[in-house]
Amino acid sequence: MTESIFDTSASALINGAHYTGLTIAIGAVAMRVLVLSRGGLSVSERTPATRDAARAAVWGSVLILVAAPLRALNQVRGLVEPDESWIPMLQAVLGTSVGKALQLQAIWAAAAIVAFLVAQQGRDRGWKIATVAVVILAITPGLAGHAATSASPTLSLAASMLHLLGAGLWVGGLFHLWRLTGRSSDATLQCALAAFHPVAMVGAALIVMSGLYQTWPMVGSPAHLVSTAWGRLLSLKLALVLGVLLFGYKHLRSAEQSLGRGNRAALRRSLGKETLLALAVIVVTAVLTATAKPL
């Protein structure tokens, strides 16, 4: 029982680091390509914000890179006896479809680190490579998870990728927007807020639609939402997502006006609360992916 709890906790921590890093990295690209470049800002106005987003994305990519070998080692730990050598089993795991997906994750996470470091120097080439890297990285969790072995792997992999891209657009973008409230001018923040709203709505729509496709067949009976641990976690995730949606609706209606009235500190606190709630969604998702699904 203790070992089972340890396995679940270790998997949840690794998944949490992976999803957090991926969300931050995708969010950085979204801020650079979809928000700051289309918000009517001059190059001089948006450059400090894009460099800051790239800096945060470097650390997000590091989390993705670290998560890959940790997941492989965690799988090996569950397969070997205490006195058995890990190396043969590690080689066997790396030869599986899951192992190959983790190798792909590690390679492109390293590429993303380099790309974001280049982007941090203000070079467009870095952002172009980073965009390709985060899209590929959004595919790897599906390749290493249940999506690749489902009855309709192509649709399941697409849904998994869109779910993660949606989270990056919405939650990752929100994280970088919150960071902007403490670093940018009012003019930059005003433009970023206006440009972020449609990006967040697209991200939220992707999360909802892909999430329904992925989870509905797993739920089976609505009773499983309260009678199983997996179902209760899913219910908690849905409640948290609803909370983030309500915060988002509030900011859609009032954020720009609040900034215009000089209530920047209050706006930063409110966006911070929304960001923390969104982080809670990632934490619950990490635990959910490490929990046995209802039969």
C-alpha atoms as a PDB file:
ATOM      1  CA  MET A   1       0.000   0.000   0.000  1.00  0.00           C
ATOM      2  CA  THR A   2       2.807   2.407   0.935  1.00  0.00           C
ATOM      3  CA  GLU A   3       4.668   1.535  -2.273  1.00  0.00           C
ATOM      4  CA  SER A   4       1.500   2.160  -4.313  1.00  0.00           C
ATOM      5  CA  ILE A   5       1.055   5.593  -2.727  1.00  0.00           C
ATOM      6  CA  PHE A   6       4.731   6.346  -3.402  1.00  0.00           C
ATOM      7  CA  ASP A   7       4.356   5.315  -7.058  1.00  0.00           C
ATOM      8  CA  THR A   8       1.318   7.570  -7.491  1.00  0.00           C
ATOM      9  CA  SER A   9       3.000  10.501  -5.743  1.00  0.00           C
ATOM     10  CA  ALA A  10       6.203  10.169  -7.782  1.00  0.00           C
ATOM     11  CA  SER A  11       4.264   9.954 -11.049  1.00  0.00           C
ATOM     12  CA  ALA A  12       2.123  12.947 -10.064  1.00  0.00           C
ATOM     13  CA  LEU A  13       5.193  15.059  -9.228  1.00  0.00           C
ATOM     14  CA  ILE A  14       6.906  14.174 -12.503  1.00  0.00           C
ATOM     15  CA  ASN A  15       3.747  14.803 -14.517  1.00  0.00           C
ATOM     16  CA  GLY A  16       3.180  18.064 -12.653  1.00  0.00           C
ATOM     17  CA  ALA A  17       6.684  19.304 -13.493  1.00  0.00           C
ATOM     18  CA  HIS A  18       6.205  18.261 -17.117  1.00  0.00           C
ATOM     19  CA  TYR A  19       2.805  19.939 -17.541  1.00  0.00           C
ATOM     20  CA  THR A  20       3.897  23.093 -15.727  1.00  0.00           C
ATOM     21  CA  GLY A  21       6.993  23.452 -17.888  1.00  0.00           C
ATOM     22  CA  LEU A  22       5.056  22.773 -21.083  1.00  0.00           C
ATOM     23  CA  THR A  23       2.347  25.267 -20.156  1.00  0.00           C
ATOM     24  CA  ILE A  24       4.925  27.991 -19.479  1.00  0.00           C
ATOM     25  CA  ALA A  25       6.801  27.270 -22.726  1.00  0.00           C
ATOM     26  CA  ILE A  26       3.673  27.253 -24.899  1.00  0.00           C
ATOM     27  CA  GLY A  27       2.426  30.354 -23.098  1.00  0.00           C
ATOM     28  CA  ALA A  28       5.644  32.196 -23.904  1.00  0.00           C
ATOM     29  CA  VAL A  29       5.258  31.465 -27.618  1.00  0.00           C
ATOM     30  CA  ALA A  30       1.598  32.516 -27.449  1.00  0.00           C
ATOM     31  CA  MET A  31       2.528  35.818 -25.799  1.00  0.00           C
ATOM     32  CA  ARG A  32       5.238  36.537 -28.375  1.00  0.00           C
ATOM     33  CA  VAL A  33       3.363  35.444 -31.512  1.00  0.00           C
ATOM     34  CA  LEU A  34      -0.316  36.020 -30.712  1.00  0.00           C
ATOM     35  CA  VAL A  35      -0.384  38.747 -28.065  1.00  0.00           C
ATOM     36  CA  LEU A  36       2.601  41.079 -28.032  1.00  0.00           C
ATOM     37  CA  SER A  37       3.194  41.037 -31.795  1.00  0.00           C
ATOM     38  CA  ARG A  38      -0.469  41.764 -32.543  1.00  0.00           C
ATOM     39  CA  GLY A  39      -1.292  44.186 -29.783  1.00  0.00           C
ATOM     40  CA  GLY A  40      -0.264  47.325 -31.641  1.00  0.00           C
ATOM     41  CA  LEU A  41       2.981  47.680 -29.701  1.00  0.00           C
ATOM     42  CA  SER A  42       6.210  48.993 -31.177  1.00  0.00           C
ATOM     43  CA  VAL A  43       9.294  46.765 -31.218  1.00  0.00           C
ATOM     44  CA  SER A  44      10.891  48.787 -28.412  1.00  0.00           C
ATOM     45  CA  GLU A  45       7.761  48.403 -26.263  1.00  0.00           C
ATOM     46  CA  ARG A  46       7.370  44.663 -26.702  1.00  0.00           C
ATOM     47  CA  THR A  47      11.050  43.642 -26.609  1.00  0.00           C
ATOM     48  CA  PRO A  48      11.441  43.669 -22.783  1.00  0.00           C
ATOM     49  CA  ALA A  49       8.227  41.649 -22.417  1.00  0.00           C
ATOM     50  CA  THR A  50       9.220  39.056 -25.038  1.00  0.00           C
ATOM     51  CA  ARG A  51      12.664  38.649 -23.470  1.00  0.00           C
ATOM     52  CA  ASP A  52      11.088  38.119 -20.068  1.00  0.00           C
ATOM     53  CA  ALA A  53       8.719  35.500 -21.514  1.00  0.00           C
ATOM     54  CA  ALA A  54      11.665  33.726 -23.163  1.00  0.00           C
ATOM     55  CA  ARG A  55      13.572  33.763 -19.856  1.00  0.00           C
ATOM     56  CA  ALA A  56      10.695  32.071 -18.035  1.00  0.00           C
ATOM     57  CA  ALA A  57      10.266  29.594 -20.913  1.00  0.00           C
ATOM     58  CA  VAL A  58      13.898  28.489 -20.581  1.00  0.00           C
ATOM     59  CA  TRP A  59      13.134  27.280 -17.057  1.00  0.00           C
ATOM     60  CA  GLY A  60       9.872  25.747 -18.240  1.00  0.00           C
ATOM     61  CA  SER A  61      11.794  23.801 -20.877  1.00  0.00           C
ATOM     62  CA  VAL A  62      14.276  22.657 -18.234  1.00  0.00           C
ATOM     63  CA  LEU A  63      11.359  21.152 -16.294  1.00  0.00           C
ATOM     64  CA  ILE A  64      10.240  19.276 -19.423  1.00  0.00           C
ATOM     65  CA  LEU A  65      13.777  18.002 -20.015  1.00  0.00           C
ATOM     66  CA  VAL A  66      14.215  16.816 -16.419  1.00  0.00           C
ATOM     67  CA  ALA A  67      10.805  15.109 -16.415  1.00  0.00           C
ATOM     68  CA  ALA A  68      11.716  12.765 -19.301  1.00  0.00           C
ATOM     69  CA  PRO A  69      14.519  10.739 -17.615  1.00  0.00           C
ATOM     70  CA  LEU A  70      12.717  10.887 -14.273  1.00  0.00           C
ATOM     71  CA  ARG A  71       9.655   9.233 -15.784  1.00  0.00           C
ATOM     72  CA  ALA A  72      11.801   6.538 -17.402  1.00  0.00           C
ATOM     73  CA  LEU A  73      13.597   5.876 -14.120  1.00  0.00           C
ATOM     74  CA  ASN A  74      10.309   5.838 -12.213  1.00  0.00           C
ATOM     75  CA  GLN A  75       8.990   3.163 -14.584  1.00  0.00           C
ATOM     76  CA  VAL A  76      12.161   1.107 -14.148  1.00  0.00           C
ATOM     77  CA  ARG A  77      11.940   1.411 -10.361  1.00  0.00           C
ATOM     78  CA  GLY A  78       8.515  -0.175 -10.452  1.00  0.00           C
ATOM     79  CA  LEU A  79       9.685  -3.092 -12.603  1.00  0.00           C
ATOM     80  CA  VAL A  80      12.942  -4.237 -10.958  1.00  0.00           C
ATOM     81  CA  GLU A  81      13.553  -6.096  -7.732  1.00  0.00           C
ATOM     82  CA  PRO A  82      15.508  -4.299  -4.962  1.00  0.00           C
ATOM     83  CA  ASP A  83      18.733  -6.232  -5.685  1.00  0.00           C
ATOM     84  CA  GLU A  84      18.368  -6.232  -9.472  1.00  0.00           C
ATOM     85  CA  SER A  85      20.425  -4.044 -11.843  1.00  0.00           C
ATOM     86  CA  TRP A  86      18.464  -1.169 -13.347  1.00  0.00           C
ATOM     87  CA  ILE A  87      20.455  -0.853 -16.587  1.00  0.00           C
ATOM     88  CA  PRO A  88      18.987  -3.822 -18.552  1.00  0.00           C
ATOM     89  CA  MET A  89      15.452  -2.800 -17.621  1.00  0.00           C
ATOM     90  CA  LEU A  90      16.175   0.847 -18.476  1.00  0.00           C
ATOM     91  CA  GLN A  91      17.387  -0.240 -21.914  1.00  0.00           C
ATOM     92  CA  ALA A  92      14.218  -2.296 -22.344  1.00  0.00           C
ATOM     93  CA  VAL A  93      11.986   0.631 -21.305  1.00  0.00           C
ATOM     94  CA  LEU A  94      13.769   3.021 -23.680  1.00  0.00           C
ATOM     95  CA  GLY A  95      13.079   0.563 -26.516  1.00  0.00           C
ATOM     96  CA  THR A  96       9.312   0.711 -25.986  1.00  0.00           C
ATOM     97  CA  SER A  97       6.964   3.243 -27.580  1.00  0.00           C
ATOM     98  CA  VAL A  98       6.821   5.077 -24.242  1.00  0.00           C
ATOM     99  CA  GLY A  99      10.619   5.161 -24.031  1.00  0.00           C
ATOM    100  CA  LYS A 100      10.928   6.497 -27.572  1.00  0.00           C
ATOM    101  CA  ALA A 101       8.372   9.206 -26.779  1.00  0.00           C
ATOM    102  CA  LEU A 102      10.398  10.187 -23.695  1.00  0.00           C
ATOM    103  CA  GLN A 103      13.564  10.363 -25.809  1.00  0.00           C
ATOM    104  CA  LEU A 104      11.714  12.607 -28.280  1.00  0.00           C
ATOM    105  CA  GLN A 105      10.606  14.744 -25.336  1.00  0.00           C
ATOM    106  CA  ALA A 106      14.164  15.097 -24.054  1.00  0.00           C
ATOM    107  CA  ILE A 107      15.574  15.985 -27.491  1.00  0.00           C
ATOM    108  CA  TRP A 108      12.999  18.674 -28.216  1.00  0.00           C
ATOM    109  CA  ALA A 109      13.087  20.032 -24.674  1.00  0.00           C
ATOM    110  CA  ALA A 110      16.826  20.563 -25.128  1.00  0.00           C
ATOM    111  CA  ALA A 111      16.114  22.222 -28.485  1.00  0.00           C
ATOM    112  CA  ALA A 112      13.520  24.448 -26.799  1.00  0.00           C
ATOM    113  CA  ILE A 113      16.041  25.527 -24.149  1.00  0.00           C
ATOM    114  CA  VAL A 114      18.507  26.595 -26.831  1.00  0.00           C
ATOM    115  CA  ALA A 115      15.755  28.271 -28.888  1.00  0.00           C
ATOM    116  CA  PHE A 116      14.442  30.286 -25.955  1.00  0.00           C
ATOM    117  CA  LEU A 117      17.983  31.324 -25.007  1.00  0.00           C
ATOM    118  CA  VAL A 118      18.419  32.626 -28.561  1.00  0.00           C
ATOM    119  CA  ALA A 119      14.990  34.302 -28.405  1.00  0.00           C
ATOM    120  CA  GLN A 120      16.010  35.951 -25.153  1.00  0.00           C
ATOM    121  CA  GLN A 121      18.669  37.787 -27.159  1.00  0.00           C
ATOM    122  CA  GLY A 122      15.921  39.297 -29.315  1.00  0.00           C
ATOM    123  CA  ARG A 123      16.413  37.026 -32.343  1.00  0.00           C
ATOM    124  CA  ASP A 124      13.342  35.944 -34.322  1.00  0.00           C
ATOM    125  CA  ARG A 125      15.058  32.699 -35.333  1.00  0.00           C
ATOM    126  CA  GLY A 126      14.897  31.553 -31.721  1.00  0.00           C
ATOM    127  CA  TRP A 127      11.141  32.123 -31.562  1.00  0.00           C
ATOM    128  CA  LYS A 128      10.581  30.217 -34.813  1.00  0.00           C
ATOM    129  CA  ILE A 129      12.481  27.180 -33.543  1.00  0.00           C
ATOM    130  CA  ALA A 130      10.781  27.477 -30.141  1.00  0.00           C
ATOM    131  CA  THR A 131       7.360  27.424 -31.834  1.00  0.00           C
ATOM    132  CA  VAL A 132       8.188  24.180 -33.641  1.00  0.00           C
ATOM    133  CA  ALA A 133       9.650  22.707 -30.452  1.00  0.00           C
ATOM    134  CA  VAL A 134       6.612  23.393 -28.259  1.00  0.00           C
ATOM    135  CA  VAL A 135       4.210  21.945 -30.847  1.00  0.00           C
ATOM    136  CA  ILE A 136       6.242  18.721 -30.981  1.00  0.00           C
ATOM    137  CA  LEU A 137       6.505  18.686 -27.181  1.00  0.00           C
ATOM    138  CA  ALA A 138       2.702  18.968 -26.986  1.00  0.00           C
ATOM    139  CA  ILE A 139       2.473  15.691 -28.930  1.00  0.00           C
ATOM    140  CA  THR A 140       4.842  13.670 -26.723  1.00  0.00           C
ATOM    141  CA  PRO A 141       2.551  13.178 -23.664  1.00  0.00           C
ATOM    142  CA  GLY A 142      -0.008  11.487 -25.910  1.00  0.00           C
ATOM    143  CA  LEU A 143       2.678   9.292 -27.471  1.00  0.00           C
ATOM    144  CA  ALA A 144       3.822   8.232 -23.997  1.00  0.00           C
ATOM    145  CA  GLY A 145       0.290   7.821 -22.608  1.00  0.00           C
ATOM    146  CA  HIS A 146      -3.014   6.080 -23.213  1.00  0.00           C
ATOM    147  CA  ALA A 147      -3.820   8.084 -26.346  1.00  0.00           C
ATOM    148  CA  ALA A 148      -1.324   6.126 -28.454  1.00  0.00           C
ATOM    149  CA  THR A 149      -2.929   2.785 -27.506  1.00  0.00           C
ATOM    150  CA  SER A 150      -6.584   3.840 -27.714  1.00  0.00           C
ATOM    151  CA  ALA A 151      -9.087   2.505 -30.251  1.00  0.00           C
ATOM    152  CA  SER A 152      -8.684   5.690 -32.320  1.00  0.00           C
ATOM    153  CA  PRO A 153      -5.041   6.696 -31.720  1.00  0.00           C
ATOM    154  CA  THR A 154      -4.930   9.481 -34.316  1.00  0.00           C
ATOM    155  CA  LEU A 155      -7.962  11.282 -32.886  1.00  0.00           C
ATOM    156  CA  SER A 156      -6.826  10.642 -29.326  1.00  0.00           C
ATOM    157  CA  LEU A 157      -3.342  11.979 -30.020  1.00  0.00           C
ATOM    158  CA  ALA A 158      -4.823  15.053 -31.702  1.00  0.00           C
ATOM    159  CA  ALA A 159      -7.137  15.634 -28.728  1.00  0.00           C
ATOM    160  CA  SER A 160      -4.246  15.256 -26.283  1.00  0.00           C
ATOM    161  CA  MET A 161      -2.111  17.717 -28.242  1.00  0.00           C
ATOM    162  CA  LEU A 162      -4.939  20.260 -28.565  1.00  0.00           C
ATOM    163  CA  HIS A 163      -5.667  19.948 -24.835  1.00  0.00           C
ATOM    164  CA  LEU A 164      -2.080  20.836 -23.977  1.00  0.00           C
ATOM    165  CA  LEU A 165      -1.881  23.601 -26.576  1.00  0.00           C
ATOM    166  CA  GLY A 166      -5.127  25.023 -25.194  1.00  0.00           C
ATOM    167  CA  ALA A 167      -3.700  24.963 -21.673  1.00  0.00           C
ATOM    168  CA  GLY A 168      -0.589  26.752 -22.910  1.00  0.00           C
ATOM    169  CA  LEU A 169      -2.585  29.428 -24.715  1.00  0.00           C
ATOM    170  CA  TRP A 170      -4.890  30.056 -21.775  1.00  0.00           C
ATOM    171  CA  VAL A 171      -3.072  29.161 -18.560  1.00  0.00           C
ATOM    172  CA  GLY A 172       0.458  29.721 -19.859  1.00  0.00           C
ATOM    173  CA  GLY A 173      -0.535  33.010 -21.433  1.00  0.00           C
ATOM    174  CA  LEU A 174      -2.216  34.029 -18.180  1.00  0.00           C
ATOM    175  CA  PHE A 175       0.995  33.293 -16.253  1.00  0.00           C
ATOM    176  CA  HIS A 176       3.042  35.534 -18.548  1.00  0.00           C
ATOM    177  CA  LEU A 177       0.358  38.225 -18.508  1.00  0.00           C
ATOM    178  CA  TRP A 178       0.438  38.230 -14.701  1.00  0.00           C
ATOM    179  CA  ARG A 179       4.230  38.628 -14.861  1.00  0.00           C
ATOM    180  CA  LEU A 180       3.735  41.599 -17.198  1.00  0.00           C
ATOM    181  CA  THR A 181       1.685  43.411 -14.547  1.00  0.00           C
ATOM    182  CA  GLY A 182       4.813  43.733 -12.423  1.00  0.00           C
ATOM    183  CA  ARG A 183       7.246  44.659 -15.194  1.00  0.00           C
ATOM    184  CA  SER A 184       5.653  46.517 -18.110  1.00  0.00           C
ATOM    185  CA  SER A 185       4.341  50.023 -18.677  1.00  0.00           C
ATOM    186  CA  ASP A 186       0.614  50.705 -18.474  1.00  0.00           C
ATOM    187  CA  ALA A 187       0.476  51.163 -22.257  1.00  0.00           C
ATOM    188  CA  THR A 188       2.136  47.795 -22.898  1.00  0.00           C
ATOM    189  CA  LEU A 189      -0.088  46.043 -20.389  1.00  0.00           C
ATOM    190  CA  GLN A 190      -3.234  47.682 -21.806  1.00  0.00           C
ATOM    191  CA  CYS A 191      -2.428  46.399 -25.303  1.00  0.00           C
ATOM    192  CA  ALA A 192      -1.483  42.966 -23.987  1.00  0.00           C
ATOM    193  CA  LEU A 193      -4.755  42.630 -22.072  1.00  0.00           C
ATOM    194  CA  ALA A 194      -6.820  43.497 -25.152  1.00  0.00           C
ATOM    195  CA  ALA A 195      -4.900  41.041 -27.358  1.00  0.00           C
ATOM    196  CA  PHE A 196      -4.881  38.245 -24.764  1.00  0.00           C
ATOM    197  CA  HIS A 197      -8.665  37.921 -24.334  1.00  0.00           C
ATOM    198  CA  PRO A 198      -9.357  36.199 -27.702  1.00  0.00           C
ATOM    199  CA  VAL A 199      -6.286  33.965 -27.261  1.00  0.00           C
ATOM    200  CA  ALA A 200      -7.562  32.884 -23.843  1.00  0.00           C
ATOM    201  CA  MET A 201     -11.023  32.141 -25.243  1.00  0.00           C
ATOM    202  CA  VAL A 202      -9.566  29.956 -27.998  1.00  0.00           C
ATOM    203  CA  GLY A 203      -7.424  28.146 -25.424  1.00  0.00           C
ATOM    204  CA  ALA A 204     -10.396  27.581 -23.118  1.00  0.00           C
ATOM    205  CA  ALA A 205     -12.484  26.252 -26.021  1.00  0.00           C
ATOM    206  CA  LEU A 206      -9.711  23.814 -26.996  1.00  0.00           C
ATOM    207  CA  ILE A 207      -9.445  22.572 -23.403  1.00  0.00           C
ATOM    208  CA  VAL A 208     -13.189  22.020 -23.045  1.00  0.00           C
ATOM    209  CA  MET A 209     -13.728  20.283 -26.394  1.00  0.00           C
ATOM    210  CA  SER A 210     -10.632  18.074 -26.269  1.00  0.00           C
ATOM    211  CA  GLY A 211     -11.225  17.338 -22.583  1.00  0.00           C
ATOM    212  CA  LEU A 212     -14.750  16.119 -23.257  1.00  0.00           C
ATOM    213  CA  TYR A 213     -13.484  13.880 -26.065  1.00  0.00           C
ATOM    214  CA  GLN A 214     -10.742  12.411 -23.878  1.00  0.00           C
ATOM    215  CA  THR A 215     -12.594  11.904 -20.609  1.00  0.00           C
ATOM    216  CA  TRP A 216     -16.178  11.086 -21.560  1.00  0.00           C
ATOM    217  CA  PRO A 217     -15.434   7.475 -22.640  1.00  0.00           C
ATOM    218  CA  MET A 218     -13.373   6.962 -19.445  1.00  0.00           C
ATOM    219  CA  VAL A 219     -16.135   8.157 -17.133  1.00  0.00           C
ATOM    220  CA  GLY A 220     -18.456   5.339 -18.199  1.00  0.00           C
ATOM    221  CA  SER A 221     -21.213   5.986 -15.712  1.00  0.00           C
ATOM    222  CA  PRO A 222     -21.894   9.442 -14.187  1.00  0.00           C
ATOM    223  CA  ALA A 223     -21.835   7.665 -10.816  1.00  0.00           C
ATOM    224  CA  HIS A 224     -18.084   7.175 -11.296  1.00  0.00           C
ATOM    225  CA  LEU A 225     -17.626  10.932 -10.845  1.00  0.00           C
ATOM    226  CA  VAL A 226     -18.318  10.502  -7.132  1.00  0.00           C
ATOM    227  CA  SER A 227     -17.784   6.783  -6.487  1.00  0.00           C
ATOM    228  CA  THR A 228     -14.165   6.469  -7.697  1.00  0.00           C
ATOM    229  CA  ALA A 229     -10.990   8.350  -6.798  1.00  0.00           C
ATOM    230  CA  TRP A 230     -10.375   9.137 -10.472  1.00  0.00           C
ATOM    231  CA  GLY A 231     -13.903  10.469 -10.881  1.00  0.00           C
ATOM    232  CA  ARG A 232     -13.675  12.667  -7.789  1.00  0.00           C
ATOM    233  CA  LEU A 233     -10.402  14.135  -9.032  1.00  0.00           C
ATOM    234  CA  LEU A 234     -11.987  14.806 -12.415  1.00  0.00           C
ATOM    235  CA  SER A 235     -14.917  16.517 -10.687  1.00  0.00           C
ATOM    236  CA  LEU A 236     -12.478  18.655  -8.701  1.00  0.00           C
ATOM    237  CA  LYS A 237     -10.621  19.565 -11.894  1.00  0.00           C
ATOM    238  CA  LEU A 238     -13.869  20.582 -13.593  1.00  0.00           C
ATOM    239  CA  ALA A 239     -14.809  22.748 -10.599  1.00  0.00           C
ATOM    240  CA  LEU A 240     -11.401  24.461 -10.671  1.00  0.00           C
ATOM    241  CA  VAL A 241     -11.631  25.030 -14.422  1.00  0.00           C
ATOM    242  CA  LEU A 242     -15.032  26.622 -13.864  1.00  0.00           C
ATOM    243  CA  GLY A 243     -13.459  28.888 -11.239  1.00  0.00           C
ATOM    244  CA  VAL A 244     -10.743  29.973 -13.684  1.00  0.00           C
ATOM    245  CA  LEU A 245     -13.409  30.600 -16.329  1.00  0.00           C
ATOM    246  CA  LEU A 246     -15.323  32.844 -13.923  1.00  0.00           C
ATOM    247  CA  PHE A 247     -12.149  34.778 -13.099  1.00  0.00           C
ATOM    248  CA  GLY A 248     -11.439  35.072 -16.814  1.00  0.00           C
ATOM    249  CA  TYR A 249     -14.918  36.408 -17.498  1.00  0.00           C
ATOM    250  CA  LYS A 250     -14.452  38.961 -14.735  1.00  0.00           C
ATOM    251  CA  HIS A 251     -11.159  40.130 -16.224  1.00  0.00           C
ATOM    252  CA  LEU A 252     -12.635  40.192 -19.730  1.00  0.00           C
ATOM    253  CA  ARG A 253     -15.216  42.699 -18.521  1.00  0.00           C
ATOM    254  CA  SER A 254     -13.150  44.776 -16.122  1.00  0.00           C
ATOM    255  CA  ALA A 255      -9.360  44.344 -16.454  1.00  0.00           C
ATOM    256  CA  GLU A 256      -8.719  47.102 -18.973  1.00  0.00           C
ATOM    257  CA  GLN A 257     -11.051  49.507 -17.190  1.00  0.00           C
ATOM    258  CA  SER A 258      -9.384  48.735 -13.860  1.00  0.00           C
ATOM    259  CA  LEU A 259      -5.967  49.495 -15.329  1.00  0.00           C
ATOM    260  CA  GLY A 260      -7.324  52.679 -16.896  1.00  0.00           C
ATOM    261  CA  ARG A 261      -8.533  53.845 -13.467  1.00  0.00           C
ATOM    262  CA  GLY A 262      -5.054  53.344 -12.018  1.00  0.00           C
ATOM    263  CA  ASN A 263      -5.893  50.142 -10.086  1.00  0.00           C
ATOM    264  CA  ARG A 264      -2.840  48.265 -11.345  1.00  0.00           C
ATOM    265  CA  ALA A 265      -2.019  46.677  -7.973  1.00  0.00           C
ATOM    266  CA  ALA A 266      -5.561  45.369  -7.588  1.00  0.00           C
ATOM    267  CA  LEU A 267      -5.464  43.982 -11.132  1.00  0.00           C
ATOM    268  CA  ARG A 268      -2.173  42.225 -10.420  1.00  0.00           C
ATOM    269  CA  ARG A 269      -3.620  40.624  -7.278  1.00  0.00           C
ATOM    270  CA  SER A 270      -6.715  39.483  -9.128  1.00  0.00           C
ATOM    271  CA  LEU A 271      -4.717  38.032 -12.021  1.00  0.00           C
ATOM    272  CA  GLY A 272      -2.475  36.369  -9.450  1.00  0.00           C
ATOM    273  CA  LYS A 273      -5.469  34.631  -7.888  1.00  0.00           C
ATOM    274  CA  GLU A 274      -6.598  33.413 -11.291  1.00  0.00           C
ATOM    275  CA  THR A 275      -3.075  32.168 -12.030  1.00  0.00           C
ATOM    276  CA  LEU A 276      -2.926  30.257  -8.717  1.00  0.00           C
ATOM    277  CA  LEU A 277      -6.291  28.668  -9.435  1.00  0.00           C
ATOM    278  CA  ALA A 278      -5.050  27.671 -12.885  1.00  0.00           C
ATOM    279  CA  LEU A 279      -1.932  26.184 -11.271  1.00  0.00           C
ATOM    280  CA  ALA A 280      -4.224  24.126  -9.043  1.00  0.00           C
ATOM    281  CA  VAL A 281      -5.831  22.743 -12.216  1.00  0.00           C
ATOM    282  CA  ILE A 282      -2.389  21.580 -13.398  1.00  0.00           C
ATOM    283  CA  VAL A 283      -1.672  19.976 -10.012  1.00  0.00           C
ATOM    284  CA  VAL A 284      -4.976  18.080 -10.022  1.00  0.00           C
ATOM    285  CA  THR A 285      -4.395  17.040 -13.642  1.00  0.00           C
ATOM    286  CA  ALA A 286      -0.981  15.642 -12.702  1.00  0.00           C
ATOM    287  CA  VAL A 287      -2.534  13.572  -9.907  1.00  0.00           C
ATOM    288  CA  LEU A 288      -5.383  12.532 -12.191  1.00  0.00           C
ATOM    289  CA  THR A 289      -3.014  11.134 -14.827  1.00  0.00           C
ATOM    290  CA  ALA A 290      -1.277   9.077 -12.136  1.00  0.00           C
ATOM    291  CA  THR A 291      -4.542   7.644 -10.749  1.00  0.00           C
ATOM    292  CA  ALA A 292      -6.157   4.414 -11.918  1.00  0.00           C
ATOM    293  CA  LYS A 293      -9.159   5.033 -14.177  1.00  0.00           C
ATOM    294  CA  PRO A 294     -12.565   3.432 -13.488  1.00  0.00           C
ATOM    295  CA  LEU A 295     -13.051   0.063 -15.188  1.00  0.00           C
END
